[in-house]
């Protein structure tokens, strides 16, 4: 049977670019992992091997590094917008560019007075330690007419040591889980939120502030919700962001339930009650996986259900 070409794209994945900005003795660092995917009029290269419409992936790599120097990196989103616009507007065969970015955060190393005097400075502003919390992520897509910006984070580990219960659930002959009225609630937050900015005719969000505020509201909701289920907590986290940030219309979460089980210490003559401060076994697998999208009323969902495709 004859075959035809379906969806296709190409580009250079995982370009690690580190940009240092010097403000006198104070330095600033941006550390990104940038992946470029381009699609458009690419039938011939697949059918005949003609590279006439192909911008080499090596060129896309070079562009990432050159743009980091020429334009700087104010934010992951802004950098991705510069790249996507360039590839679509400068190359006629390219109709759509998708830029995915992971950002790795660094913070300054505080030094002692003795050490700073030793090197002849009152303060050291060029030493950093890698933050061990979440990874910031962004996906910028441009088709020559409209933009889609999806940002978020992954691997943000949070835990409530109380104010969480789980009871009243369905029970059948295979149910062994005991109802819990005071439990640990812990998860590794993976979240993606979609901005309602779609074109240059709209004011562009302050990407750095928006990320910081979305993260803040997410954490506040997690801490302040008395949780009867992880689903309830998820919804409160998403609602807090949607209600607080007008530039965000949709957010999707994938939350593993990092189970903490009370250890049975009765064989050793020890009680292990939560009210006294308990000992738990932290199980890494299997785990419950809670996923859902929270939307502004009237908005159609666009973030993929399976976020592994982002």
Foldseek 3Di string as FASTA:
>chain_A
DDDDDDDDKDAAFFQWDKDWDDDDQAIDIWTKGKTKIWDFQCRCCVPPVDCPQPDDNVVLSVVLHVCCVVVNDPDPVVSQVVSFCCVCVVRPRTQKMKMKMKIWDKDADWDDCVVCVVVPHRGHRPHIDTDDAKIKMWMWMDRPQKIKIKIWIWQHKDKDQWLEWEDPDDDDPPDDDDGGRTHMWIWTKTKIWIFPHIDPVDDDDPVVVLHVVLVVLLVVLLHPHSYHDVQVSVQSSQVSSVVVPVRTFKMKIKIWGFDWAFDPCVVVVDDADVVVPGHTDGDPDDTDIDIDMDGDPPDDDDQDSPNVVD
